[in-house]
């Protein structure tokens, strides 16, 4: 009965851990999807803003004022996005550190359980108790090894997901910089066009 109780507790523990990991992975996927949707909306807004600039490029003095104000707003948005990205990275790192600490704690308890089994086996005096203790210890070690392998695989999976998320964040940040550079170039082309137009008017006079 003692062996059955321990095996039952181990199975419950393993099922609970698996369910907890599934919920955590689902939550991270949902957060990541929401974050990607938010970035996509921001990009669409930037595209619409760029189109507005192209339409209004021929308004001379008014377009210069509008472009200047738009650039200031874009800088503010980029700064906000940069701060949000840094916060997101810190949040993911904190989650990973918390998860690793939980794994280390469970590993410690597993090691402690092995020592308890060894002590219990040494106390056994009769031959049949020794055989039962040995069988239980081997079974517990197999379960512990399996759980350890599962935890290591989960850690590797979460690490890969984290690296992919970081790479995606860097790529989106690079796209934002390219949009800002494109807007700056558009602004400069507008200013050059206005200067050329002014020179043409002066030469005509």
Protein backbone atom coordinates (compact mmCIF):
# COMPACT_ATOMS: atom_id res chain seq x y z
CA UNK A 1 0.00 0.00 0.00
CA UNK A 2 2.84 2.37 0.74
CA UNK A 3 4.26 1.74 -2.72
CA UNK A 4 0.85 2.23 -4.35
CA UNK A 5 0.31 5.50 -2.48
CA UNK A 6 3.66 6.81 -3.60
CA UNK A 7 3.10 5.80 -7.22
CA UNK A 8 -0.37 7.35 -7.11
CA UNK A 9 1.05 10.61 -5.74
CA UNK A 10 3.75 10.60 -8.40
CA UNK A 11 1.18 10.10 -11.16
CA UNK A 12 -0.98 12.91 -9.77
CA UNK A 13 2.06 15.12 -9.48
CA UNK A 14 3.12 14.38 -13.06
CA UNK A 15 -0.40 15.03 -14.46
CA UNK A 16 -0.64 18.27 -12.50
CA UNK A 17 2.71 19.45 -13.83
CA UNK A 18 1.78 18.59 -17.41
CA UNK A 19 -1.54 20.46 -17.10
CA UNK A 20 0.20 23.46 -15.57
CA UNK A 21 2.76 23.54 -18.38
CA UNK A 22 0.01 23.31 -21.00
CA UNK A 23 -1.85 26.23 -19.44
CA UNK A 24 1.33 28.27 -19.22
CA UNK A 25 2.25 27.58 -22.86
CA UNK A 26 -1.31 28.46 -23.97
CA UNK A 27 -1.16 31.72 -22.03
CA UNK A 28 2.21 32.63 -23.55
CA UNK A 29 0.93 31.83 -27.07
CA UNK A 30 -2.14 34.03 -26.55
CA UNK A 31 -0.02 36.89 -25.23
CA UNK A 32 2.39 36.55 -28.13
CA UNK A 33 -0.47 36.49 -30.68
CA UNK A 34 -2.00 39.61 -29.11
CA UNK A 35 1.37 41.31 -29.22
CA UNK A 36 1.85 40.44 -32.92
CA UNK A 37 -1.66 41.73 -33.72
CA UNK A 38 -0.89 44.97 -31.94
CA UNK A 39 2.32 45.40 -33.94
CA UNK A 40 0.46 44.64 -37.18
CA UNK A 41 -2.11 47.31 -36.35
CA UNK A 42 0.68 49.78 -35.67
CA UNK A 43 2.26 48.97 -39.05
CA UNK A 44 -1.06 49.45 -40.84
CA UNK A 45 -1.48 52.80 -39.08
CA UNK A 46 1.99 53.80 -40.23
CA UNK A 47 1.16 52.83 -43.81
CA UNK A 48 -1.96 54.99 -43.70
CA UNK A 49 0.07 57.85 -42.24
CA UNK A 50 2.66 57.52 -45.02
CA UNK A 51 -0.10 57.59 -47.63
CA UNK A 52 -1.43 60.78 -46.08
CA UNK A 53 2.00 62.34 -46.34
CA UNK A 54 2.28 61.40 -50.03
CA UNK A 55 -1.09 62.98 -50.78
CA UNK A 56 -0.28 66.20 -48.95
CA UNK A 57 3.30 66.59 -50.23
CA UNK A 58 2.31 69.41 -52.64
CA UNK A 59 1.04 71.82 -50.01
CA UNK A 60 4.33 73.70 -49.58
CA UNK A 61 4.49 75.51 -46.24
CA UNK A 62 1.55 73.59 -44.78
CA UNK A 63 3.06 70.21 -45.69
CA UNK A 64 6.34 71.18 -44.02
CA UNK A 65 4.48 71.91 -40.78
CA UNK A 66 2.44 68.69 -41.03
CA UNK A 67 5.51 66.56 -41.72
CA UNK A 68 7.37 68.09 -38.80
CA UNK A 69 4.50 67.37 -36.42
CA UNK A 70 4.11 63.84 -37.80
CA UNK A 71 7.80 63.12 -37.29
CA UNK A 72 7.53 64.22 -33.67
CA UNK A 73 4.54 61.94 -33.14
CA UNK A 74 6.38 59.07 -34.80
CA UNK A 75 9.38 59.57 -32.53
CA UNK A 76 7.07 59.42 -29.52
CA UNK A 77 5.46 56.23 -30.81
CA UNK A 78 8.85 54.62 -31.42
CA UNK A 79 9.98 55.56 -27.93
CA UNK A 80 6.81 54.08 -26.43
CA UNK A 81 7.25 50.91 -28.49
CA UNK A 82 10.90 50.66 -27.45
CA UNK A 83 9.97 50.89 -23.78
CA UNK A 84 7.18 48.34 -24.26
CA UNK A 85 9.56 45.96 -26.05
CA UNK A 86 12.11 46.20 -23.24
CA UNK A 87 9.35 45.56 -20.69
CA UNK A 88 8.13 42.57 -22.67
CA UNK A 89 11.63 41.05 -22.82
CA UNK A 90 12.11 41.56 -19.08
CA UNK A 91 8.70 40.00 -18.42
CA UNK A 92 9.54 36.91 -20.51
CA UNK A 93 12.93 36.58 -18.79
CA UNK A 94 11.27 36.82 -15.38
CA UNK A 95 8.77 34.11 -16.36
CA UNK A 96 11.56 31.84 -17.56
CA UNK A 97 13.58 32.40 -14.38
CA UNK A 98 10.53 31.60 -12.24
CA UNK A 99 9.91 28.42 -14.23
CA UNK A 100 13.54 27.32 -13.89
CA UNK A 101 13.40 27.92 -10.13
CA UNK A 102 10.32 25.70 -9.87
CA UNK A 103 12.07 22.98 -11.86
CA UNK A 104 15.13 23.21 -9.58
CA UNK A 105 12.90 22.95 -6.50
CA UNK A 106 11.16 19.86 -7.86
CA UNK A 107 14.52 18.33 -8.72
CA UNK A 108 15.66 18.91 -5.14
CA UNK A 109 12.54 17.21 -3.81
CA UNK A 110 13.11 14.32 -6.21
CA UNK A 111 16.68 13.89 -4.93
CA UNK A 112 15.41 14.03 -1.36
CA UNK A 113 12.86 11.36 -2.17
CA UNK A 114 15.64 9.13 -3.52
CA UNK A 115 17.57 9.55 -0.26
CA UNK A 116 14.46 8.65 1.74
CA UNK A 117 14.04 5.52 -0.33
CA UNK A 118 17.68 4.59 0.26
CA UNK A 119 17.31 5.12 4.01
CA UNK A 120 14.13 3.08 4.12
CA UNK A 121 15.85 0.26 2.24
CA UNK A 122 18.78 0.23 4.69
CA UNK A 123 16.35 -0.14 7.62
CA UNK A 124 14.73 -3.24 6.09
CA UNK A 125 16.02 -6.43 7.69
CA UNK A 126 14.04 -9.19 6.08
CA UNK A 127 14.71 -10.45 2.58
CA UNK A 128 11.24 -9.86 1.17
CA UNK A 129 11.22 -6.26 2.46
CA UNK A 130 14.59 -5.72 0.82
CA UNK A 131 13.27 -6.95 -2.53
CA UNK A 132 10.16 -4.75 -2.28
CA UNK A 133 12.27 -1.72 -1.34
CA UNK A 134 14.64 -2.33 -4.24
CA UNK A 135 11.78 -2.65 -6.73
CA UNK A 136 10.14 0.52 -5.40
CA UNK A 137 13.40 2.43 -5.54
CA UNK A 138 14.07 1.38 -9.13
CA UNK A 139 10.54 2.35 -10.13
CA UNK A 140 10.82 5.71 -8.38
CA UNK A 141 14.17 6.37 -10.05
CA UNK A 142 12.70 5.54 -13.46
CA UNK A 143 9.81 7.93 -12.83
CA UNK A 144 12.18 10.63 -11.60
CA UNK A 145 14.44 10.22 -14.63
CA UNK A 146 11.44 10.41 -16.94
CA UNK A 147 10.16 13.55 -15.19
CA UNK A 148 13.62 15.11 -15.38
CA UNK A 149 13.82 14.39 -19.11
CA UNK A 150 10.36 15.87 -19.62
CA UNK A 151 11.31 19.01 -17.69
CA UNK A 152 14.52 19.43 -19.68
CA UNK A 153 12.61 19.03 -22.93
CA UNK A 154 10.05 21.64 -21.78
CA UNK A 155 12.85 24.04 -20.82
CA UNK A 156 14.46 23.60 -24.24
CA UNK A 157 11.10 24.17 -25.94
CA UNK A 158 10.41 27.33 -23.94
CA UNK A 159 13.95 28.58 -24.60
CA UNK A 160 13.48 28.10 -28.35
CA UNK A 161 10.14 29.92 -28.18
CA UNK A 162 11.77 32.76 -26.26
CA UNK A 163 14.56 33.08 -28.82
CA UNK A 164 12.03 33.13 -31.65
CA UNK A 165 10.05 35.82 -29.86
CA UNK A 166 13.17 37.92 -29.33
CA UNK A 167 14.11 37.52 -33.02
CA UNK A 168 10.59 38.58 -34.04
CA UNK A 169 10.78 41.63 -31.76
CA UNK A 170 14.15 42.62 -33.27
CA UNK A 171 12.77 42.17 -36.79
CA UNK A 172 9.73 44.34 -36.07
CA UNK A 173 11.93 46.96 -34.44
CA UNK A 174 14.13 46.96 -37.57
CA UNK A 175 11.02 47.44 -39.73
CA UNK A 176 10.01 50.40 -37.58
CA UNK A 177 13.44 51.96 -38.08
CA UNK A 178 13.10 51.42 -41.84
CA UNK A 179 9.69 53.14 -41.78
CA UNK A 180 11.13 56.06 -39.87
CA UNK A 181 14.03 56.30 -42.34
CA UNK A 182 11.58 56.19 -45.25
CA UNK A 183 9.51 58.99 -43.71
CA UNK A 184 12.62 61.07 -43.16
CA UNK A 185 13.68 60.55 -46.79
CA UNK A 186 10.17 61.47 -47.95
CA UNK A 187 10.34 64.61 -45.84
CA UNK A 188 13.73 65.54 -47.34
CA UNK A 189 12.46 64.89 -50.87
CA UNK A 190 9.53 67.18 -50.14
CA UNK A 191 11.84 69.90 -48.87
CA UNK A 192 14.12 69.52 -51.92
CA UNK A 193 11.13 69.71 -54.23
CA UNK A 194 9.96 72.91 -52.54
CA UNK A 195 13.45 74.40 -52.83
CA UNK A 196 13.62 73.55 -56.53
CA UNK A 197 10.21 75.07 -57.08
CA UNK A 198 11.27 78.23 -55.28
CA UNK A 199 14.46 78.49 -57.34
CA UNK A 200 12.47 78.04 -60.52
CA UNK A 201 10.12 80.86 -59.52
CA UNK A 202 13.03 83.18 -58.70
CA UNK A 203 14.78 82.36 -62.00
CA UNK A 204 11.56 82.96 -63.89
CA UNK A 205 11.26 86.38 -62.31
